[in-house]
């Protein structure tokens, strides 16, 4: 984990915790950082063409889904690239498709399966 963003609440309790070892930002701080750095990113498009990106592993986090706490307390669920690829790779097992087929998903947009397919 590279940093923590608190969507609500006080960061003082969490930020003072030495065991975390990662920076803690409030949502407002992240929005401010984004606004301040937007112009810099736009100006540096040419400079980024030669940029080398980190290699992404199958077990690296691809998405964090926040639950409402239907069965317990609300929490963030981490989905790896492997989780999402598994859904995509196995879609054909559940419903084989051929050219021209269309599918309608009745799942809500916030369902994890909707992130992959």
PDB file of N, CA and C in Angstrom:
ATOM      1  N   UNK A   1       0.850  -1.156   0.000  1.00  0.00           N
ATOM      2  CA  UNK A   1       0.000   0.000   0.000  1.00  0.00           C
ATOM      3  C   UNK A   1       0.902   1.228   0.000  1.00  0.00           C
ATOM      4  N   UNK A   2       0.594   2.195  -0.886  1.00  0.00           N
ATOM      5  CA  UNK A   2       1.429   3.390  -1.013  1.00  0.00           C
ATOM      6  C   UNK A   2       0.903   4.559  -0.205  1.00  0.00           C
ATOM      7  N   UNK A   3      -0.414   4.666  -0.038  1.00  0.00           N
ATOM      8  CA  UNK A   3      -1.001   5.715   0.788  1.00  0.00           C
ATOM      9  C   UNK A   3      -2.438   5.350   1.125  1.00  0.00           C
ATOM     10  N   UNK A   4      -3.000   6.095   2.077  1.00  0.00           N
ATOM     11  CA  UNK A   4      -4.379   5.891   2.506  1.00  0.00           C
ATOM     12  C   UNK A   4      -5.139   7.185   2.277  1.00  0.00           C
ATOM     13  N   UNK A   5      -6.336   7.089   1.718  1.00  0.00           N
ATOM     14  CA  UNK A   5      -7.210   8.252   1.545  1.00  0.00           C
ATOM     15  C   UNK A   5      -8.451   8.018   2.394  1.00  0.00           C
ATOM     16  N   UNK A   6      -8.686   8.918   3.343  1.00  0.00           N
ATOM     17  CA  UNK A   6      -9.882   8.839   4.179  1.00  0.00           C
ATOM     18  C   UNK A   6     -11.000   9.605   3.502  1.00  0.00           C
ATOM     19  N   UNK A   7     -12.087   8.944   3.220  1.00  0.00           N
ATOM     20  CA  UNK A   7     -13.208   9.591   2.558  1.00  0.00           C
ATOM     21  C   UNK A   7     -13.994  10.464   3.526  1.00  0.00           C
ATOM     22  N   UNK A   8     -13.974  10.146   4.797  1.00  0.00           N
ATOM     23  CA  UNK A   8     -14.630  10.956   5.824  1.00  0.00           C
ATOM     24  C   UNK A   8     -13.945  10.674   7.158  1.00  0.00           C
ATOM     25  N   UNK A   9     -14.237  11.506   8.149  1.00  0.00           N
ATOM     26  CA  UNK A   9     -13.665  11.322   9.480  1.00  0.00           C
ATOM     27  C   UNK A   9     -12.343  12.046   9.641  1.00  0.00           C
ATOM     28  N   UNK A  10     -11.846  11.985  10.861  1.00  0.00           N
ATOM     29  CA  UNK A  10     -10.597  12.658  11.211  1.00  0.00           C
ATOM     30  C   UNK A  10      -9.406  11.770  10.893  1.00  0.00           C
ATOM     31  N   UNK A  11      -8.389  12.355  10.302  1.00  0.00           N
ATOM     32  CA  UNK A  11      -7.200  11.565   9.991  1.00  0.00           C
ATOM     33  C   UNK A  11      -6.197  11.592  11.133  1.00  0.00           C
ATOM     34  N   UNK A  12      -6.400  12.443  12.124  1.00  0.00           N
ATOM     35  CA  UNK A  12      -5.412  12.596  13.191  1.00  0.00           C
ATOM     36  C   UNK A  12      -5.126  11.286  13.914  1.00  0.00           C
ATOM     37  N   UNK A  13      -6.157  10.500  14.219  1.00  0.00           N
ATOM     38  CA  UNK A  13      -5.924   9.225  14.905  1.00  0.00           C
ATOM     39  C   UNK A  13      -5.091   8.282  14.054  1.00  0.00           C
ATOM     40  N   UNK A  14      -5.416   8.198  12.782  1.00  0.00           N
ATOM     41  CA  UNK A  14      -4.734   7.281  11.878  1.00  0.00           C
ATOM     42  C   UNK A  14      -3.348   7.789  11.499  1.00  0.00           C
ATOM     43  N   UNK A  15      -3.237   9.097  11.256  1.00  0.00           N
ATOM     44  CA  UNK A  15      -1.972   9.677  10.813  1.00  0.00           C
ATOM     45  C   UNK A  15      -0.899   9.581  11.888  1.00  0.00           C
ATOM     46  N   UNK A  16      -1.286   9.553  13.149  1.00  0.00           N
ATOM     47  CA  UNK A  16      -0.310   9.480  14.237  1.00  0.00           C
ATOM     48  C   UNK A  16       0.144   8.053  14.517  1.00  0.00           C
ATOM     49  N   UNK A  17      -0.467   7.093  13.879  1.00  0.00           N
ATOM     50  CA  UNK A  17      -0.130   5.698  14.111  1.00  0.00           C
ATOM     51  C   UNK A  17       1.160   5.355  13.363  1.00  0.00           C
ATOM     52  N   UNK A  18       2.236   5.140  14.107  1.00  0.00           N
ATOM     53  CA  UNK A  18       3.560   4.886  13.522  1.00  0.00           C
ATOM     54  C   UNK A  18       3.631   3.533  12.806  1.00  0.00           C
ATOM     55  N   UNK A  19       2.767   2.609  13.133  1.00  0.00           N
ATOM     56  CA  UNK A  19       2.875   1.261  12.565  1.00  0.00           C
ATOM     57  C   UNK A  19       2.420   1.191  11.114  1.00  0.00           C
ATOM     58  N   UNK A  20       1.674   2.172  10.661  1.00  0.00           N
ATOM     59  CA  UNK A  20       1.192   2.124   9.280  1.00  0.00           C
ATOM     60  C   UNK A  20       2.322   2.266   8.272  1.00  0.00           C
ATOM     61  N   UNK A  21       3.180   3.254   8.473  1.00  0.00           N
ATOM     62  CA  UNK A  21       4.300   3.457   7.560  1.00  0.00           C
ATOM     63  C   UNK A  21       3.914   3.975   6.188  1.00  0.00           C
ATOM     64  N   UNK A  22       2.693   4.461   6.015  1.00  0.00           N
ATOM     65  CA  UNK A  22       2.253   5.026   4.739  1.00  0.00           C
ATOM     66  C   UNK A  22       1.594   6.378   4.993  1.00  0.00           C
ATOM     67  N   UNK A  23       1.695   7.313   4.030  1.00  0.00           N
ATOM     68  CA  UNK A  23       1.052   8.622   4.203  1.00  0.00           C
ATOM     69  C   UNK A  23      -0.469   8.497   4.245  1.00  0.00           C
ATOM     70  N   UNK A  24      -1.096   9.372   5.031  1.00  0.00           N
ATOM     71  CA  UNK A  24      -2.552   9.411   5.147  1.00  0.00           C
ATOM     72  C   UNK A  24      -3.031  10.771   4.663  1.00  0.00           C
ATOM     73  N   UNK A  25      -3.994  10.774   3.726  1.00  0.00           N
ATOM     74  CA  UNK A  25      -4.557  12.009   3.184  1.00  0.00           C
ATOM     75  C   UNK A  25      -6.056  12.031   3.420  1.00  0.00           C
ATOM     76  N   UNK A  26      -6.590  13.220   3.614  1.00  0.00           N
ATOM     77  CA  UNK A  26      -8.045  13.360   3.635  1.00  0.00           C
ATOM     78  C   UNK A  26      -8.510  13.479   2.185  1.00  0.00           C
ATOM     79  N   UNK A  27      -9.790  13.275   1.959  1.00  0.00           N
ATOM     80  CA  UNK A  27     -10.345  13.397   0.609  1.00  0.00           C
ATOM     81  C   UNK A  27     -10.119  14.810   0.078  1.00  0.00           C
ATOM     82  N   UNK A  28     -10.328  15.818   0.929  1.00  0.00           N
ATOM     83  CA  UNK A  28     -10.140  17.213   0.509  1.00  0.00           C
ATOM     84  C   UNK A  28      -8.693  17.466   0.084  1.00  0.00           C
ATOM     85  N   UNK A  29      -7.747  16.880   0.810  1.00  0.00           N
ATOM     86  CA  UNK A  29      -6.334  17.039   0.438  1.00  0.00           C
ATOM     87  C   UNK A  29      -6.053  16.418  -0.930  1.00  0.00           C
ATOM     88  N   UNK A  30      -6.647  15.261  -1.209  1.00  0.00           N
ATOM     89  CA  UNK A  30      -6.426  14.605  -2.500  1.00  0.00           C
ATOM     90  C   UNK A  30      -7.008  15.425  -3.647  1.00  0.00           C
ATOM     91  N   UNK A  31      -8.187  16.005  -3.439  1.00  0.00           N
ATOM     92  CA  UNK A  31      -8.796  16.853  -4.468  1.00  0.00           C
ATOM     93  C   UNK A  31      -7.906  18.062  -4.727  1.00  0.00           C
ATOM     94  N   UNK A  32      -7.390  18.665  -3.656  1.00  0.00           N
ATOM     95  CA  UNK A  32      -6.510  19.833  -3.792  1.00  0.00           C
ATOM     96  C   UNK A  32      -5.235  19.455  -4.545  1.00  0.00           C
ATOM     97  N   UNK A  33      -4.632  18.329  -4.185  1.00  0.00           N
ATOM     98  CA  UNK A  33      -3.424  17.870  -4.880  1.00  0.00           C
ATOM     99  C   UNK A  33      -3.698  17.634  -6.360  1.00  0.00           C
ATOM    100  N   UNK A  34      -4.854  17.068  -6.668  1.00  0.00           N
ATOM    101  CA  UNK A  34      -5.220  16.829  -8.062  1.00  0.00           C
ATOM    102  C   UNK A  34      -5.342  18.117  -8.851  1.00  0.00           C
ATOM    103  N   UNK A  35      -5.982  19.112  -8.248  1.00  0.00           N
ATOM    104  CA  UNK A  35      -6.136  20.401  -8.929  1.00  0.00           C
ATOM    105  C   UNK A  35      -4.785  21.071  -9.146  1.00  0.00           C
ATOM    106  N   UNK A  36      -3.932  21.019  -8.131  1.00  0.00           N
ATOM    107  CA  UNK A  36      -2.617  21.659  -8.233  1.00  0.00           C
ATOM    108  C   UNK A  36      -1.745  20.980  -9.280  1.00  0.00           C
ATOM    109  N   UNK A  37      -1.869  19.685  -9.403  1.00  0.00           N
ATOM    110  CA  UNK A  37      -0.996  18.934 -10.304  1.00  0.00           C
ATOM    111  C   UNK A  37      -1.568  18.736 -11.698  1.00  0.00           C
ATOM    112  N   UNK A  38      -2.815  19.083 -11.912  1.00  0.00           N
ATOM    113  CA  UNK A  38      -3.446  18.901 -13.222  1.00  0.00           C
ATOM    114  C   UNK A  38      -2.692  19.663 -14.308  1.00  0.00           C
ATOM    115  N   UNK A  39      -2.390  20.930 -14.048  1.00  0.00           N
ATOM    116  CA  UNK A  39      -1.676  21.741 -15.040  1.00  0.00           C
ATOM    117  C   UNK A  39      -0.289  21.167 -15.313  1.00  0.00           C
ATOM    118  N   UNK A  40       0.363  20.687 -14.278  1.00  0.00           N
ATOM    119  CA  UNK A  40       1.696  20.102 -14.430  1.00  0.00           C
ATOM    120  C   UNK A  40       1.621  18.868 -15.325  1.00  0.00           C
ATOM    121  N   UNK A  41       0.607  18.036 -15.124  1.00  0.00           N
ATOM    122  CA  UNK A  41       0.459  16.834 -15.943  1.00  0.00           C
ATOM    123  C   UNK A  41       0.184  17.167 -17.402  1.00  0.00           C
ATOM    124  N   UNK A  42      -0.671  18.147 -17.622  1.00  0.00           N
ATOM    125  CA  UNK A  42      -0.978  18.551 -18.998  1.00  0.00           C
ATOM    126  C   UNK A  42       0.271  19.075 -19.687  1.00  0.00           C
ATOM    127  N   UNK A  43       1.069  19.879 -18.965  1.00  0.00           N
ATOM    128  CA  UNK A  43       2.296  20.437 -19.534  1.00  0.00           C
ATOM    129  C   UNK A  43       3.359  19.370 -19.789  1.00  0.00           C
ATOM    130  N   UNK A  44       3.261  18.254 -19.102  1.00  0.00           N
ATOM    131  CA  UNK A  44       4.323  17.254 -19.210  1.00  0.00           C
ATOM    132  C   UNK A  44       3.952  16.060 -20.090  1.00  0.00           C
ATOM    133  N   UNK A  45       2.926  16.183 -20.916  1.00  0.00           N
ATOM    134  CA  UNK A  45       2.529  15.053 -21.764  1.00  0.00           C
ATOM    135  C   UNK A  45       3.673  14.559 -22.639  1.00  0.00           C
ATOM    136  N   UNK A  46       4.405  15.483 -23.252  1.00  0.00           N
ATOM    137  CA  UNK A  46       5.529  15.076 -24.096  1.00  0.00           C
ATOM    138  C   UNK A  46       6.615  14.402 -23.280  1.00  0.00           C
ATOM    139  N   UNK A  47       6.858  14.903 -22.080  1.00  0.00           N
ATOM    140  CA  UNK A  47       7.901  14.329 -21.232  1.00  0.00           C
ATOM    141  C   UNK A  47       7.536  12.914 -20.794  1.00  0.00           C
ATOM    142  N   UNK A  48       6.255  12.609 -20.688  1.00  0.00           N
ATOM    143  CA  UNK A  48       5.823  11.292 -20.216  1.00  0.00           C
ATOM    144  C   UNK A  48       5.880  10.223 -21.300  1.00  0.00           C
ATOM    145  N   UNK A  49       6.104  10.605 -22.547  1.00  0.00           N
ATOM    146  CA  UNK A  49       6.142   9.607 -23.621  1.00  0.00           C
ATOM    147  C   UNK A  49       7.249   8.581 -23.394  1.00  0.00           C
ATOM    148  N   UNK A  50       8.351   9.000 -22.802  1.00  0.00           N
ATOM    149  CA  UNK A  50       9.452   8.088 -22.544  1.00  0.00           C
ATOM    150  C   UNK A  50       9.412   7.471 -21.159  1.00  0.00           C
ATOM    151  N   UNK A  51       8.330   7.671 -20.452  1.00  0.00           N
ATOM    152  CA  UNK A  51       8.200   7.195 -19.075  1.00  0.00           C
ATOM    153  C   UNK A  51       8.098   5.674 -19.034  1.00  0.00           C
ATOM    154  N   UNK A  52       8.769   5.079 -18.067  1.00  0.00           N
ATOM    155  CA  UNK A  52       8.690   3.632 -17.880  1.00  0.00           C
ATOM    156  C   UNK A  52       7.804   3.366 -16.671  1.00  0.00           C
ATOM    157  N   UNK A  53       6.823   2.529 -16.840  1.00  0.00           N
ATOM    158  CA  UNK A  53       5.874   2.234 -15.778  1.00  0.00           C
ATOM    159  C   UNK A  53       6.262   0.956 -15.049  1.00  0.00           C
ATOM    160  N   UNK A  54       5.809   0.857 -13.808  1.00  0.00           N
ATOM    161  CA  UNK A  54       6.068  -0.342 -13.022  1.00  0.00           C
ATOM    162  C   UNK A  54       5.354  -1.537 -13.647  1.00  0.00           C
ATOM    163  N   UNK A  55       5.970  -2.691 -13.533  1.00  0.00           N
ATOM    164  CA  UNK A  55       5.341  -3.918 -14.002  1.00  0.00           C
ATOM    165  C   UNK A  55       4.212  -4.258 -13.029  1.00  0.00           C
ATOM    166  N   UNK A  56       3.059  -4.611 -13.568  1.00  0.00           N
ATOM    167  CA  UNK A  56       1.912  -4.959 -12.738  1.00  0.00           C
ATOM    168  C   UNK A  56       1.832  -6.472 -12.638  1.00  0.00           C
ATOM    169  N   UNK A  57       1.735  -6.963 -11.415  1.00  0.00           N
ATOM    170  CA  UNK A  57       1.612  -8.396 -11.189  1.00  0.00           C
ATOM    171  C   UNK A  57       0.159  -8.817 -11.051  1.00  0.00           C
ATOM    172  N   UNK A  58      -0.099 -10.090 -11.241  1.00  0.00           N
ATOM    173  CA  UNK A  58      -1.479 -10.587 -11.183  1.00  0.00           C
ATOM    174  C   UNK A  58      -2.098 -10.433  -9.800  1.00  0.00           C
ATOM    175  N   UNK A  59      -1.277 -10.386  -8.767  1.00  0.00           N
ATOM    176  CA  UNK A  59      -1.801 -10.253  -7.406  1.00  0.00           C
ATOM    177  C   UNK A  59      -1.827  -8.801  -6.924  1.00  0.00           C
ATOM    178  N   UNK A  60      -1.406  -7.858  -7.767  1.00  0.00           N
ATOM    179  CA  UNK A  60      -1.487  -6.435  -7.412  1.00  0.00           C
ATOM    180  C   UNK A  60      -2.945  -5.989  -7.412  1.00  0.00           C
ATOM    181  N   UNK A  61      -3.238  -4.981  -6.618  1.00  0.00           N
ATOM    182  CA  UNK A  61      -4.609  -4.479  -6.507  1.00  0.00           C
ATOM    183  C   UNK A  61      -5.004  -3.729  -7.771  1.00  0.00           C
ATOM    184  N   UNK A  62      -6.150  -4.101  -8.331  1.00  0.00           N
ATOM    185  CA  UNK A  62      -6.686  -3.448  -9.527  1.00  0.00           C
ATOM    186  C   UNK A  62      -7.806  -2.485  -9.164  1.00  0.00           C
ATOM    187  N   UNK A  63      -8.576  -2.807  -8.133  1.00  0.00           N
ATOM    188  CA  UNK A  63      -9.716  -1.975  -7.745  1.00  0.00           C
ATOM    189  C   UNK A  63     -10.021  -2.193  -6.272  1.00  0.00           C
ATOM    190  N   UNK A  64     -10.563  -1.176  -5.657  1.00  0.00           N
ATOM    191  CA  UNK A  64     -11.065  -1.293  -4.293  1.00  0.00           C
ATOM    192  C   UNK A  64     -12.552  -0.974  -4.342  1.00  0.00           C
ATOM    193  N   UNK A  65     -13.353  -1.917  -3.892  1.00  0.00           N
ATOM    194  CA  UNK A  65     -14.805  -1.761  -3.882  1.00  0.00           C
ATOM    195  C   UNK A  65     -15.232  -1.531  -2.439  1.00  0.00           C
ATOM    196  N   UNK A  66     -15.952  -0.455  -2.220  1.00  0.00           N
ATOM    197  CA  UNK A  66     -16.408  -0.139  -0.869  1.00  0.00           C
ATOM    198  C   UNK A  66     -17.803  -0.705  -0.660  1.00  0.00           C
ATOM    199  N   UNK A  67     -17.947  -1.526   0.384  1.00  0.00           N
ATOM    200  CA  UNK A  67     -19.239  -2.134   0.682  1.00  0.00           C
ATOM    201  C   UNK A  67     -20.029  -1.239   1.624  1.00  0.00           C
ATOM    202  N   UNK A  68     -21.326  -1.424   1.644  1.00  0.00           N
ATOM    203  CA  UNK A  68     -22.189  -0.647   2.531  1.00  0.00           C
ATOM    204  C   UNK A  68     -22.318  -1.296   3.894  1.00  0.00           C
ATOM    205  N   UNK A  69     -21.804  -2.480   4.036  1.00  0.00           N
ATOM    206  CA  UNK A  69     -21.898  -3.160   5.315  1.00  0.00           C
ATOM    207  C   UNK A  69     -23.204  -3.912   5.497  1.00  0.00           C
ATOM    208  N   UNK A  70     -23.720  -4.502   4.443  1.00  0.00           N
ATOM    209  CA  UNK A  70     -24.993  -5.224   4.517  1.00  0.00           C
ATOM    210  C   UNK A  70     -24.961  -6.321   5.578  1.00  0.00           C
ATOM    211  N   UNK A  71     -23.886  -7.095   5.607  1.00  0.00           N
ATOM    212  CA  UNK A  71     -23.807  -8.201   6.568  1.00  0.00           C
ATOM    213  C   UNK A  71     -22.872  -7.921   7.734  1.00  0.00           C
ATOM    214  N   UNK A  72     -22.093  -6.849   7.657  1.00  0.00           N
ATOM    215  CA  UNK A  72     -21.199  -6.464   8.757  1.00  0.00           C
ATOM    216  C   UNK A  72     -20.861  -4.987   8.579  1.00  0.00           C
ATOM    217  N   UNK A  73     -19.769  -4.542   9.174  1.00  0.00           N
ATOM    218  CA  UNK A  73     -19.368  -3.141   9.055  1.00  0.00           C
ATOM    219  C   UNK A  73     -18.930  -2.820   7.628  1.00  0.00           C
ATOM    220  N   UNK A  74     -19.135  -1.563   7.174  1.00  0.00           N
ATOM    221  CA  UNK A  74     -18.646  -1.162   5.847  1.00  0.00           C
ATOM    222  C   UNK A  74     -17.132  -1.351   5.749  1.00  0.00           C
ATOM    223  N   UNK A  75     -16.659  -1.692   4.562  1.00  0.00           N
ATOM    224  CA  UNK A  75     -15.214  -1.901   4.388  1.00  0.00           C
ATOM    225  C   UNK A  75     -14.847  -1.779   2.914  1.00  0.00           C
ATOM    226  N   UNK A  76     -13.562  -1.649   2.658  1.00  0.00           N
ATOM    227  CA  UNK A  76     -13.052  -1.641   1.296  1.00  0.00           C
ATOM    228  C   UNK A  76     -12.549  -3.029   0.945  1.00  0.00           C
ATOM    229  N   UNK A  77     -13.030  -3.592  -0.146  1.00  0.00           N
ATOM    230  CA  UNK A  77     -12.624  -4.922  -0.598  1.00  0.00           C
ATOM    231  C   UNK A  77     -11.633  -4.749  -1.745  1.00  0.00           C
ATOM    232  N   UNK A  78     -10.455  -5.354  -1.599  1.00  0.00           N
ATOM    233  CA  UNK A  78      -9.417  -5.214  -2.614  1.00  0.00           C
ATOM    234  C   UNK A  78      -9.538  -6.337  -3.644  1.00  0.00           C
ATOM    235  N   UNK A  79      -9.643  -5.956  -4.906  1.00  0.00           N
ATOM    236  CA  UNK A  79      -9.687  -6.933  -5.996  1.00  0.00           C
ATOM    237  C   UNK A  79      -8.370  -6.874  -6.759  1.00  0.00           C
ATOM    238  N   UNK A  80      -7.767  -8.023  -6.964  1.00  0.00           N
ATOM    239  CA  UNK A  80      -6.511  -8.075  -7.717  1.00  0.00           C
ATOM    240  C   UNK A  80      -6.813  -8.169  -9.210  1.00  0.00           C
ATOM    241  N   UNK A  81      -5.783  -7.975 -10.007  1.00  0.00           N
ATOM    242  CA  UNK A  81      -5.928  -8.156 -11.455  1.00  0.00           C
ATOM    243  C   UNK A  81      -6.344  -9.598 -11.753  1.00  0.00           C
ATOM    244  N   UNK A  82      -5.813 -10.530 -10.970  1.00  0.00           N
ATOM    245  CA  UNK A  82      -6.153 -11.944 -11.163  1.00  0.00           C
ATOM    246  C   UNK A  82      -7.639 -12.184 -10.893  1.00  0.00           C
ATOM    247  N   UNK A  83      -8.207 -11.523  -9.855  1.00  0.00           N
ATOM    248  CA  UNK A  83      -9.644 -11.647  -9.578  1.00  0.00           C
ATOM    249  C   UNK A  83     -10.464 -11.247 -10.792  1.00  0.00           C
ATOM    250  N   UNK A  84     -10.155 -10.092 -11.355  1.00  0.00           N
ATOM    251  CA  UNK A  84     -10.925  -9.579 -12.488  1.00  0.00           C
ATOM    252  C   UNK A  84     -10.732 -10.434 -13.735  1.00  0.00           C
ATOM    253  N   UNK A  85      -9.491 -10.859 -13.992  1.00  0.00           N
ATOM    254  CA  UNK A  85      -9.231 -11.700 -15.165  1.00  0.00           C
ATOM    255  C   UNK A  85      -9.932 -13.051 -15.066  1.00  0.00           C
ATOM    256  N   UNK A  86     -10.031 -13.583 -13.859  1.00  0.00           N
ATOM    257  CA  UNK A  86     -10.735 -14.856 -13.663  1.00  0.00           C
ATOM    258  C   UNK A  86     -12.189 -14.727 -14.114  1.00  0.00           C
ATOM    259  N   UNK A  87     -12.823 -13.609 -13.769  1.00  0.00           N
ATOM    260  CA  UNK A  87     -14.216 -13.392 -14.181  1.00  0.00           C
ATOM    261  C   UNK A  87     -14.330 -13.328 -15.703  1.00  0.00           C
ATOM    262  N   UNK A  88     -13.411 -12.615 -16.322  1.00  0.00           N
ATOM    263  CA  UNK A  88     -13.449 -12.465 -17.782  1.00  0.00           C
ATOM    264  C   UNK A  88     -13.195 -13.805 -18.474  1.00  0.00           C
ATOM    265  N   UNK A  89     -12.179 -14.520 -18.007  1.00  0.00           N
ATOM    266  CA  UNK A  89     -11.813 -15.793 -18.635  1.00  0.00           C
ATOM    267  C   UNK A  89     -12.920 -16.838 -18.509  1.00  0.00           C
ATOM    268  N   UNK A  90     -13.699 -16.779 -17.442  1.00  0.00           N
ATOM    269  CA  UNK A  90     -14.718 -17.801 -17.206  1.00  0.00           C
ATOM    270  C   UNK A  90     -16.120 -17.392 -17.636  1.00  0.00           C
ATOM    271  N   UNK A  91     -16.270 -16.223 -18.205  1.00  0.00           N
ATOM    272  CA  UNK A  91     -17.578 -15.789 -18.692  1.00  0.00           C
ATOM    273  C   UNK A  91     -18.098 -16.740 -19.765  1.00  0.00           C
ATOM    274  N   UNK A  92     -17.230 -17.186 -20.646  1.00  0.00           N
ATOM    275  CA  UNK A  92     -17.628 -18.088 -21.720  1.00  0.00           C
ATOM    276  C   UNK A  92     -18.084 -19.448 -21.231  1.00  0.00           C
ATOM    277  N   UNK A  93     -17.635 -19.857 -20.060  1.00  0.00           N
ATOM    278  CA  UNK A  93     -18.058 -21.139 -19.492  1.00  0.00           C
ATOM    279  C   UNK A  93     -19.532 -21.066 -19.098  1.00  0.00           C
ATOM    280  N   UNK A  94     -19.931 -19.937 -18.546  1.00  0.00           N
ATOM    281  CA  UNK A  94     -21.319 -19.767 -18.100  1.00  0.00           C
ATOM    282  C   UNK A  94     -22.278 -19.531 -19.257  1.00  0.00           C
ATOM    283  N   UNK A  95     -21.832 -18.771 -20.214  1.00  0.00           N
ATOM    284  CA  UNK A  95     -22.692 -18.454 -21.351  1.00  0.00           C
ATOM    285  C   UNK A  95     -21.872 -18.318 -22.608  1.00  0.00           C
ATOM    286  N   UNK A  96     -21.614 -19.431 -23.311  1.00  0.00           N
ATOM    287  CA  UNK A  96     -20.803 -19.357 -24.528  1.00  0.00           C
ATOM    288  C   UNK A  96     -21.399 -18.354 -25.524  1.00  0.00           C
ATOM    289  N   UNK A  97     -20.546 -17.565 -26.123  1.00  0.00           N
ATOM    290  CA  UNK A  97     -21.005 -16.524 -27.046  1.00  0.00           C
ATOM    291  C   UNK A  97     -20.414 -16.751 -28.425  1.00  0.00           C
ATOM    292  N   UNK A  98     -21.151 -16.290 -29.418  1.00  0.00           N
ATOM    293  CA  UNK A  98     -20.637 -16.315 -30.791  1.00  0.00           C
ATOM    294  C   UNK A  98     -20.801 -14.913 -31.366  1.00  0.00           C
ATOM    295  N   UNK A  99     -20.165 -14.655 -32.475  1.00  0.00           N
ATOM    296  CA  UNK A  99     -20.211 -13.327 -33.089  1.00  0.00           C
ATOM    297  C   UNK A  99     -21.651 -12.865 -33.259  1.00  0.00           C
ATOM    298  N   UNK A 100     -21.918 -11.626 -32.871  1.00  0.00           N
ATOM    299  CA  UNK A 100     -23.245 -11.043 -33.015  1.00  0.00           C
ATOM    300  C   UNK A 100     -24.138 -11.196 -31.798  1.00  0.00           C
ATOM    301  N   UNK A 101     -23.743 -12.045 -30.843  1.00  0.00           N
ATOM    302  CA  UNK A 101     -24.543 -12.211 -29.622  1.00  0.00           C
ATOM    303  C   UNK A 101     -24.495 -10.944 -28.776  1.00  0.00           C
ATOM    304  N   UNK A 102     -25.550 -10.716 -28.035  1.00  0.00           N
ATOM    305  CA  UNK A 102     -25.609  -9.602 -27.086  1.00  0.00           C
ATOM    306  C   UNK A 102     -26.019 -10.159 -25.732  1.00  0.00           C
ATOM    307  N   UNK A 103     -25.502  -9.523 -24.690  1.00  0.00           N
ATOM    308  CA  UNK A 103     -25.820  -9.951 -23.338  1.00  0.00           C
ATOM    309  C   UNK A 103     -26.361  -8.774 -22.550  1.00  0.00           C
ATOM    310  N   UNK A 104     -27.289  -9.053 -21.679  1.00  0.00           N
ATOM    311  CA  UNK A 104     -27.825  -8.040 -20.777  1.00  0.00           C
ATOM    312  C   UNK A 104     -27.549  -8.493 -19.356  1.00  0.00           C
ATOM    313  N   UNK A 105     -26.834  -7.671 -18.620  1.00  0.00           N
ATOM    314  CA  UNK A 105     -26.558  -7.984 -17.228  1.00  0.00           C
ATOM    315  C   UNK A 105     -27.586  -7.287 -16.356  1.00  0.00           C
ATOM    316  N   UNK A 106     -28.183  -8.035 -15.462  1.00  0.00           N
ATOM    317  CA  UNK A 106     -29.179  -7.478 -14.547  1.00  0.00           C
ATOM    318  C   UNK A 106     -28.563  -7.121 -13.199  1.00  0.00           C
ATOM    319  N   UNK A 107     -27.256  -7.240 -13.100  1.00  0.00           N
ATOM    320  CA  UNK A 107     -26.585  -6.904 -11.845  1.00  0.00           C
ATOM    321  C   UNK A 107     -26.493  -5.393 -11.690  1.00  0.00           C
ATOM    322  N   UNK A 108     -26.488  -4.910 -10.452  1.00  0.00           N
ATOM    323  CA  UNK A 108     -26.308  -3.469 -10.247  1.00  0.00           C
ATOM    324  C   UNK A 108     -24.902  -3.053 -10.660  1.00  0.00           C
ATOM    325  N   UNK A 109     -24.741  -1.806 -11.068  1.00  0.00           N
ATOM    326  CA  UNK A 109     -23.446  -1.327 -11.571  1.00  0.00           C
ATOM    327  C   UNK A 109     -22.341  -1.403 -10.532  1.00  0.00           C
ATOM    328  N   UNK A 110     -22.681  -1.411  -9.263  1.00  0.00           N
ATOM    329  CA  UNK A 110     -21.654  -1.457  -8.222  1.00  0.00           C
ATOM    330  C   UNK A 110     -21.221  -2.889  -7.898  1.00  0.00           C
ATOM    331  N   UNK A 111     -21.845  -3.879  -8.504  1.00  0.00           N
ATOM    332  CA  UNK A 111     -21.468  -5.269  -8.268  1.00  0.00           C
ATOM    333  C   UNK A 111     -20.082  -5.506  -8.860  1.00  0.00           C
ATOM    334  N   UNK A 112     -19.262  -6.303  -8.186  1.00  0.00           N
ATOM    335  CA  UNK A 112     -17.884  -6.517  -8.643  1.00  0.00           C
ATOM    336  C   UNK A 112     -17.820  -7.143 -10.030  1.00  0.00           C
ATOM    337  N   UNK A 113     -18.794  -7.965 -10.392  1.00  0.00           N
ATOM    338  CA  UNK A 113     -18.769  -8.598 -11.713  1.00  0.00           C
ATOM    339  C   UNK A 113     -18.889  -7.559 -12.822  1.00  0.00           C
ATOM    340  N   UNK A 114     -19.590  -6.470 -12.553  1.00  0.00           N
ATOM    341  CA  UNK A 114     -19.755  -5.406 -13.544  1.00  0.00           C
ATOM    342  C   UNK A 114     -18.435  -4.691 -13.837  1.00  0.00           C
ATOM    343  N   UNK A 115     -17.487  -4.760 -12.938  1.00  0.00           N
ATOM    344  CA  UNK A 115     -16.186  -4.119 -13.155  1.00  0.00           C
ATOM    345  C   UNK A 115     -15.353  -4.877 -14.181  1.00  0.00           C
ATOM    346  N   UNK A 116     -15.623  -6.152 -14.338  1.00  0.00           N
ATOM    347  CA  UNK A 116     -14.808  -6.979 -15.220  1.00  0.00           C
ATOM    348  C   UNK A 116     -15.454  -7.224 -16.578  1.00  0.00           C
ATOM    349  N   UNK A 117     -16.753  -7.319 -16.627  1.00  0.00           N
ATOM    350  CA  UNK A 117     -17.408  -7.751 -17.865  1.00  0.00           C
ATOM    351  C   UNK A 117     -18.308  -6.692 -18.450  1.00  0.00           C
TER     352      UNK A 117
END
